[in-house]
């Protein structure tokens, strides 16, 4: 679960299934390559499911598995802590 992107991707997917392009737009600053790598890693660990719809044009959706949803419950308090301490965090990272 390391890295700066996984928590952001998981958070976005906690709102519901997203297509690749939707996910890329909702995680500002992530490159297409990095998003692909992160999604593959999270699929391998069982956090994210990838569903391919065989239609024209092709459609792929990513969603959280039950295992992924269990991790969200841990991320919520961490996110609240970050919001409460945002001033301090921004002051120390911009210095």
C-alpha atoms as a PDB file:
ATOM      1  CA  UNK A   1       0.000   0.000   0.000  1.00  0.00           C
ATOM      2  CA  UNK A   2       2.992   2.255  -0.404  1.00  0.00           C
ATOM      3  CA  UNK A   3       3.320   5.250  -2.665  1.00  0.00           C
ATOM      4  CA  UNK A   4       1.471   8.481  -3.045  1.00  0.00           C
ATOM      5  CA  UNK A   5      -1.107   7.354  -5.602  1.00  0.00           C
ATOM      6  CA  UNK A   6      -2.724   4.228  -4.197  1.00  0.00           C
ATOM      7  CA  UNK A   7      -4.663   5.950  -1.424  1.00  0.00           C
ATOM      8  CA  UNK A   8      -5.973   8.572  -3.870  1.00  0.00           C
ATOM      9  CA  UNK A   9      -7.041   5.909  -6.375  1.00  0.00           C
ATOM     10  CA  UNK A  10      -8.724   3.839  -3.669  1.00  0.00           C
ATOM     11  CA  UNK A  11     -10.529   6.907  -2.364  1.00  0.00           C
ATOM     12  CA  UNK A  12     -11.913   7.714  -5.812  1.00  0.00           C
ATOM     13  CA  UNK A  13     -13.021   4.110  -6.328  1.00  0.00           C
ATOM     14  CA  UNK A  14     -14.766   4.132  -2.946  1.00  0.00           C
ATOM     15  CA  UNK A  15     -17.350   6.414  -4.545  1.00  0.00           C
ATOM     16  CA  UNK A  16     -18.229   3.692  -7.071  1.00  0.00           C
ATOM     17  CA  UNK A  17     -16.883   1.992 -10.211  1.00  0.00           C
ATOM     18  CA  UNK A  18     -14.998   4.183 -12.669  1.00  0.00           C
ATOM     19  CA  UNK A  19     -13.709   3.807 -16.191  1.00  0.00           C
ATOM     20  CA  UNK A  20      -9.996   4.397 -16.782  1.00  0.00           C
ATOM     21  CA  UNK A  21     -10.463   7.908 -18.209  1.00  0.00           C
ATOM     22  CA  UNK A  22     -12.778   8.949 -15.385  1.00  0.00           C
ATOM     23  CA  UNK A  23     -10.285   7.683 -12.846  1.00  0.00           C
ATOM     24  CA  UNK A  24      -7.402   9.495 -14.538  1.00  0.00           C
ATOM     25  CA  UNK A  25      -9.353  12.780 -14.496  1.00  0.00           C
ATOM     26  CA  UNK A  26     -10.271  12.356 -10.842  1.00  0.00           C
ATOM     27  CA  UNK A  27      -6.648  11.855  -9.708  1.00  0.00           C
ATOM     28  CA  UNK A  28      -4.902  15.086 -10.735  1.00  0.00           C
ATOM     29  CA  UNK A  29      -1.247  14.834 -11.667  1.00  0.00           C
ATOM     30  CA  UNK A  30      -1.076  11.085 -12.234  1.00  0.00           C
ATOM     31  CA  UNK A  31       0.310   9.943 -15.570  1.00  0.00           C
ATOM     32  CA  UNK A  32      -1.429   7.300 -17.624  1.00  0.00           C
ATOM     33  CA  UNK A  33       1.511   4.937 -17.169  1.00  0.00           C
ATOM     34  CA  UNK A  34       1.560   5.376 -13.392  1.00  0.00           C
ATOM     35  CA  UNK A  35      -2.199   4.837 -13.149  1.00  0.00           C
ATOM     36  CA  UNK A  36      -1.897   1.616 -15.139  1.00  0.00           C
ATOM     37  CA  UNK A  37       0.946   0.377 -12.922  1.00  0.00           C
ATOM     38  CA  UNK A  38      -0.882   1.239  -9.701  1.00  0.00           C
ATOM     39  CA  UNK A  39      -4.132  -0.396 -10.862  1.00  0.00           C
ATOM     40  CA  UNK A  40      -2.275  -3.571 -11.862  1.00  0.00           C
ATOM     41  CA  UNK A  41      -0.550  -3.755  -8.468  1.00  0.00           C
ATOM     42  CA  UNK A  42      -3.846  -3.270  -6.645  1.00  0.00           C
ATOM     43  CA  UNK A  43      -5.497  -5.926  -8.828  1.00  0.00           C
ATOM     44  CA  UNK A  44      -2.707  -8.355  -7.960  1.00  0.00           C
ATOM     45  CA  UNK A  45      -3.161  -7.717  -4.229  1.00  0.00           C
ATOM     46  CA  UNK A  46      -6.932  -8.069  -4.505  1.00  0.00           C
ATOM     47  CA  UNK A  47      -7.874  -4.476  -3.662  1.00  0.00           C
ATOM     48  CA  UNK A  48      -9.278  -3.571  -7.089  1.00  0.00           C
ATOM     49  CA  UNK A  49     -11.379  -5.518  -9.583  1.00  0.00           C
ATOM     50  CA  UNK A  50     -11.250  -4.918 -13.325  1.00  0.00           C
ATOM     51  CA  UNK A  51     -14.343  -5.740 -15.343  1.00  0.00           C
ATOM     52  CA  UNK A  52     -14.222  -5.838 -19.131  1.00  0.00           C
ATOM     53  CA  UNK A  53     -17.485  -5.351 -21.002  1.00  0.00           C
ATOM     54  CA  UNK A  54     -17.338  -6.896 -24.453  1.00  0.00           C
ATOM     55  CA  UNK A  55     -19.038  -4.221 -26.505  1.00  0.00           C
ATOM     56  CA  UNK A  56     -18.172  -1.670 -29.150  1.00  0.00           C
ATOM     57  CA  UNK A  57     -16.422   0.509 -28.159  1.00  0.00           C
ATOM     58  CA  UNK A  58     -14.752  -1.635 -25.477  1.00  0.00           C
ATOM     59  CA  UNK A  59     -15.530  -0.674 -21.894  1.00  0.00           C
ATOM     60  CA  UNK A  60     -13.469  -1.428 -18.781  1.00  0.00           C
ATOM     61  CA  UNK A  61     -14.482  -0.472 -15.249  1.00  0.00           C
ATOM     62  CA  UNK A  62     -12.463  -0.559 -12.067  1.00  0.00           C
ATOM     63  CA  UNK A  63     -14.054  -1.030  -8.661  1.00  0.00           C
ATOM     64  CA  UNK A  64     -13.077  -1.887  -5.120  1.00  0.00           C
ATOM     65  CA  UNK A  65     -13.297  -5.466  -3.952  1.00  0.00           C
ATOM     66  CA  UNK A  66     -14.592  -6.264  -0.459  1.00  0.00           C
ATOM     67  CA  UNK A  67     -10.935  -6.353   0.597  1.00  0.00           C
ATOM     68  CA  UNK A  68     -10.464  -2.878  -0.893  1.00  0.00           C
ATOM     69  CA  UNK A  69     -13.530  -1.549   0.913  1.00  0.00           C
ATOM     70  CA  UNK A  70     -12.105  -2.843   4.206  1.00  0.00           C
ATOM     71  CA  UNK A  71      -9.019  -0.681   3.618  1.00  0.00           C
ATOM     72  CA  UNK A  72     -11.153   2.439   3.051  1.00  0.00           C
ATOM     73  CA  UNK A  73     -12.377   2.195   6.643  1.00  0.00           C
ATOM     74  CA  UNK A  74      -8.747   2.639   7.733  1.00  0.00           C
ATOM     75  CA  UNK A  75      -8.080   5.515   5.314  1.00  0.00           C
ATOM     76  CA  UNK A  76     -11.012   7.644   6.527  1.00  0.00           C
ATOM     77  CA  UNK A  77      -9.446   8.542   9.914  1.00  0.00           C
ATOM     78  CA  UNK A  78      -6.129   9.212   8.168  1.00  0.00           C
ATOM     79  CA  UNK A  79      -7.866  11.601   5.759  1.00  0.00           C
ATOM     80  CA  UNK A  80      -9.591  13.391   8.644  1.00  0.00           C
ATOM     81  CA  UNK A  81      -6.245  13.764  10.406  1.00  0.00           C
ATOM     82  CA  UNK A  82      -4.769  15.264   7.241  1.00  0.00           C
ATOM     83  CA  UNK A  83      -7.619  17.750   6.921  1.00  0.00           C
ATOM     84  CA  UNK A  84      -7.277  18.797  10.578  1.00  0.00           C
ATOM     85  CA  UNK A  85      -3.530  19.364  10.197  1.00  0.00           C
ATOM     86  CA  UNK A  86      -3.461  20.741   6.641  1.00  0.00           C
ATOM     87  CA  UNK A  87      -2.076  24.139   7.680  1.00  0.00           C
ATOM     88  CA  UNK A  88       0.862  22.554   9.460  1.00  0.00           C
ATOM     89  CA  UNK A  89       1.494  20.074   6.640  1.00  0.00           C
ATOM     90  CA  UNK A  90       1.481  22.783   3.969  1.00  0.00           C
ATOM     91  CA  UNK A  91       3.732  25.046   6.063  1.00  0.00           C
ATOM     92  CA  UNK A  92       6.356  22.343   6.541  1.00  0.00           C
ATOM     93  CA  UNK A  93       6.339  21.073   2.945  1.00  0.00           C
ATOM     94  CA  UNK A  94       6.605  24.527   1.344  1.00  0.00           C
ATOM     95  CA  UNK A  95       9.516  25.633   3.535  1.00  0.00           C
END
